[in-house]
Amino acid sequence: MRKRRYRIVDRKKFMSFIFITSITIIAIILMFTNNQKVYSSTYKDLYKEVIVKKGDTLWNIAIDNMPSNYDVRKMVFEIKEFNQMIDANIYPGDLIKVPIKHNP
């Protein structure tokens, strides 16, 4: 059985094809490996780290760290988003980052 040999007819087109294919593959790889959450300016605020103690709830942590006249439900939501939490379950020893909100 004879081995087939391939010959490059147009070297410029071949190199262009290799270059474009390589760039496309690299772009796809980077797109899937860089899956960080895109943060808006609301996430550039300062935050305070709170270590959860026995008996703490996310609701109580939100109440203790929010300004007056601020909706506690919104604060709980922001804490969950800031920490990328799926639900509000927290356990003693957990480290929670609480966004610092200022009185308007």
C-alpha atoms as a PDB file:
ATOM      1  CA  MET A   1       0.000   0.000   0.000  1.00  0.00           C
ATOM      2  CA  ARG A   2       1.431   3.294  -1.060  1.00  0.00           C
ATOM      3  CA  LYS A   3       1.367   6.332   1.228  1.00  0.00           C
ATOM      4  CA  ARG A   4      -0.436   9.358  -0.226  1.00  0.00           C
ATOM      5  CA  ARG A   5       1.528  12.561  -0.514  1.00  0.00           C
ATOM      6  CA  TYR A   6      -0.131  15.924  -0.475  1.00  0.00           C
ATOM      7  CA  ARG A   7       1.255  18.989  -2.142  1.00  0.00           C
ATOM      8  CA  ILE A   8       0.479  22.586  -1.241  1.00  0.00           C
ATOM      9  CA  VAL A   9      -0.616  24.354  -4.397  1.00  0.00           C
ATOM     10  CA  ASP A  10      -1.041  27.896  -3.075  1.00  0.00           C
ATOM     11  CA  ARG A  11       1.180  28.463  -0.050  1.00  0.00           C
ATOM     12  CA  LYS A  12      -0.320  31.888   0.734  1.00  0.00           C
ATOM     13  CA  LYS A  13      -3.906  30.557   0.922  1.00  0.00           C
ATOM     14  CA  PHE A  14      -2.756  27.585   2.987  1.00  0.00           C
ATOM     15  CA  MET A  15      -0.965  29.790   5.519  1.00  0.00           C
ATOM     16  CA  SER A  16      -3.994  32.109   5.709  1.00  0.00           C
ATOM     17  CA  PHE A  17      -6.237  29.106   6.373  1.00  0.00           C
ATOM     18  CA  ILE A  18      -3.933  27.825   9.140  1.00  0.00           C
ATOM     19  CA  PHE A  19      -3.712  31.306  10.733  1.00  0.00           C
ATOM     20  CA  ILE A  20      -7.475  31.941  10.713  1.00  0.00           C
ATOM     21  CA  THR A  21      -8.215  28.436  12.012  1.00  0.00           C
ATOM     22  CA  SER A  22      -5.690  28.852  14.842  1.00  0.00           C
ATOM     23  CA  ILE A  23      -7.112  32.241  15.872  1.00  0.00           C
ATOM     24  CA  THR A  24     -10.649  30.826  15.818  1.00  0.00           C
ATOM     25  CA  ILE A  25      -9.693  27.847  17.998  1.00  0.00           C
ATOM     26  CA  ILE A  26      -7.855  30.083  20.475  1.00  0.00           C
ATOM     27  CA  ALA A  27     -10.841  32.472  20.651  1.00  0.00           C
ATOM     28  CA  ILE A  28     -13.250  29.603  21.332  1.00  0.00           C
ATOM     29  CA  ILE A  29     -10.990  28.185  24.058  1.00  0.00           C
ATOM     30  CA  LEU A  30     -10.644  31.600  25.724  1.00  0.00           C
ATOM     31  CA  MET A  31     -14.378  32.184  25.521  1.00  0.00           C
ATOM     32  CA  PHE A  32     -15.129  28.993  27.455  1.00  0.00           C
ATOM     33  CA  THR A  33     -12.308  29.287  29.988  1.00  0.00           C
ATOM     34  CA  ASN A  34     -13.006  32.917  30.882  1.00  0.00           C
ATOM     35  CA  ASN A  35     -16.455  32.416  32.399  1.00  0.00           C
ATOM     36  CA  GLN A  36     -16.161  35.045  35.093  1.00  0.00           C
ATOM     37  CA  LYS A  37     -19.229  37.036  35.939  1.00  0.00           C
ATOM     38  CA  VAL A  38     -19.330  40.447  34.346  1.00  0.00           C
ATOM     39  CA  TYR A  39     -19.547  43.016  37.106  1.00  0.00           C
ATOM     40  CA  SER A  40     -21.306  46.293  36.768  1.00  0.00           C
ATOM     41  CA  SER A  41     -20.443  49.404  38.686  1.00  0.00           C
ATOM     42  CA  THR A  42     -22.662  48.239  41.585  1.00  0.00           C
ATOM     43  CA  TYR A  43     -20.135  45.480  42.311  1.00  0.00           C
ATOM     44  CA  LYS A  44     -17.229  47.904  42.490  1.00  0.00           C
ATOM     45  CA  ASP A  45     -18.507  49.153  45.838  1.00  0.00           C
ATOM     46  CA  LEU A  46     -16.574  48.420  48.955  1.00  0.00           C
ATOM     47  CA  TYR A  47     -17.519  45.418  50.999  1.00  0.00           C
ATOM     48  CA  LYS A  48     -17.238  44.206  54.550  1.00  0.00           C
ATOM     49  CA  GLU A  49     -16.359  40.626  55.458  1.00  0.00           C
ATOM     50  CA  VAL A  50     -18.596  38.971  58.041  1.00  0.00           C
ATOM     51  CA  ILE A  51     -17.905  35.585  59.614  1.00  0.00           C
ATOM     52  CA  VAL A  52     -21.156  33.734  60.229  1.00  0.00           C
ATOM     53  CA  LYS A  53     -21.811  32.781  63.852  1.00  0.00           C
ATOM     54  CA  LYS A  54     -24.200  30.147  65.160  1.00  0.00           C
ATOM     55  CA  GLY A  55     -27.777  31.414  64.851  1.00  0.00           C
ATOM     56  CA  ASP A  56     -26.987  34.007  62.156  1.00  0.00           C
ATOM     57  CA  THR A  57     -29.234  34.250  59.125  1.00  0.00           C
ATOM     58  CA  LEU A  58     -28.703  36.156  55.916  1.00  0.00           C
ATOM     59  CA  TRP A  59     -31.703  38.280  56.867  1.00  0.00           C
ATOM     60  CA  ASN A  60     -30.138  39.309  60.202  1.00  0.00           C
ATOM     61  CA  ILE A  61     -26.758  40.015  58.599  1.00  0.00           C
ATOM     62  CA  ALA A  62     -28.512  42.215  56.023  1.00  0.00           C
ATOM     63  CA  ILE A  63     -30.412  44.122  58.728  1.00  0.00           C
ATOM     64  CA  ASP A  64     -27.220  44.682  60.758  1.00  0.00           C
ATOM     65  CA  ASN A  65     -25.259  46.015  57.772  1.00  0.00           C
ATOM     66  CA  MET A  66     -27.738  48.077  55.767  1.00  0.00           C
ATOM     67  CA  PRO A  67     -28.456  51.794  56.016  1.00  0.00           C
ATOM     68  CA  SER A  68     -31.736  53.045  57.426  1.00  0.00           C
ATOM     69  CA  ASN A  69     -34.612  53.355  54.961  1.00  0.00           C
ATOM     70  CA  TYR A  70     -33.207  50.502  52.840  1.00  0.00           C
ATOM     71  CA  ASP A  71     -35.255  47.454  51.852  1.00  0.00           C
ATOM     72  CA  VAL A  72     -33.973  44.365  53.673  1.00  0.00           C
ATOM     73  CA  ARG A  73     -35.122  42.108  50.815  1.00  0.00           C
ATOM     74  CA  LYS A  74     -33.013  44.093  48.381  1.00  0.00           C
ATOM     75  CA  MET A  75     -30.029  43.885  50.726  1.00  0.00           C
ATOM     76  CA  VAL A  76     -30.385  40.096  51.057  1.00  0.00           C
ATOM     77  CA  PHE A  77     -30.583  39.841  47.262  1.00  0.00           C
ATOM     78  CA  GLU A  78     -27.463  41.997  46.850  1.00  0.00           C
ATOM     79  CA  ILE A  79     -25.520  39.922  49.390  1.00  0.00           C
ATOM     80  CA  LYS A  80     -26.509  36.731  47.569  1.00  0.00           C
ATOM     81  CA  GLU A  81     -25.492  38.209  44.204  1.00  0.00           C
ATOM     82  CA  PHE A  82     -22.249  39.640  45.560  1.00  0.00           C
ATOM     83  CA  ASN A  83     -21.245  36.235  46.975  1.00  0.00           C
ATOM     84  CA  GLN A  84     -22.657  34.288  43.999  1.00  0.00           C
ATOM     85  CA  MET A  85     -24.942  32.293  46.281  1.00  0.00           C
ATOM     86  CA  ILE A  86     -27.696  30.079  44.887  1.00  0.00           C
ATOM     87  CA  ASP A  87     -29.793  30.127  48.038  1.00  0.00           C
ATOM     88  CA  ALA A  88     -29.749  31.813  51.447  1.00  0.00           C
ATOM     89  CA  ASN A  89     -28.253  28.887  53.367  1.00  0.00           C
ATOM     90  CA  ILE A  90     -25.282  29.931  55.482  1.00  0.00           C
ATOM     91  CA  TYR A  91     -23.360  28.006  58.119  1.00  0.00           C
ATOM     92  CA  PRO A  92     -21.230  28.970  61.128  1.00  0.00           C
ATOM     93  CA  GLY A  93     -17.704  29.781  59.999  1.00  0.00           C
ATOM     94  CA  ASP A  94     -18.729  30.887  56.491  1.00  0.00           C
ATOM     95  CA  LEU A  95     -17.199  34.141  55.273  1.00  0.00           C
ATOM     96  CA  ILE A  96     -19.783  36.465  53.724  1.00  0.00           C
ATOM     97  CA  LYS A  97     -18.914  39.643  51.834  1.00  0.00           C
ATOM     98  CA  VAL A  98     -21.496  42.350  52.494  1.00  0.00           C
ATOM     99  CA  PRO A  99     -21.583  45.355  50.136  1.00  0.00           C
ATOM    100  CA  ILE A 100     -21.274  48.613  52.029  1.00  0.00           C
ATOM    101  CA  LYS A 101     -24.222  50.878  51.350  1.00  0.00           C
ATOM    102  CA  HIS A 102     -24.301  54.529  52.311  1.00  0.00           C
ATOM    103  CA  ASN A 103     -27.328  56.504  53.440  1.00  0.00           C
ATOM    104  CA  PRO A 104     -28.791  58.471  50.525  1.00  0.00           C
END
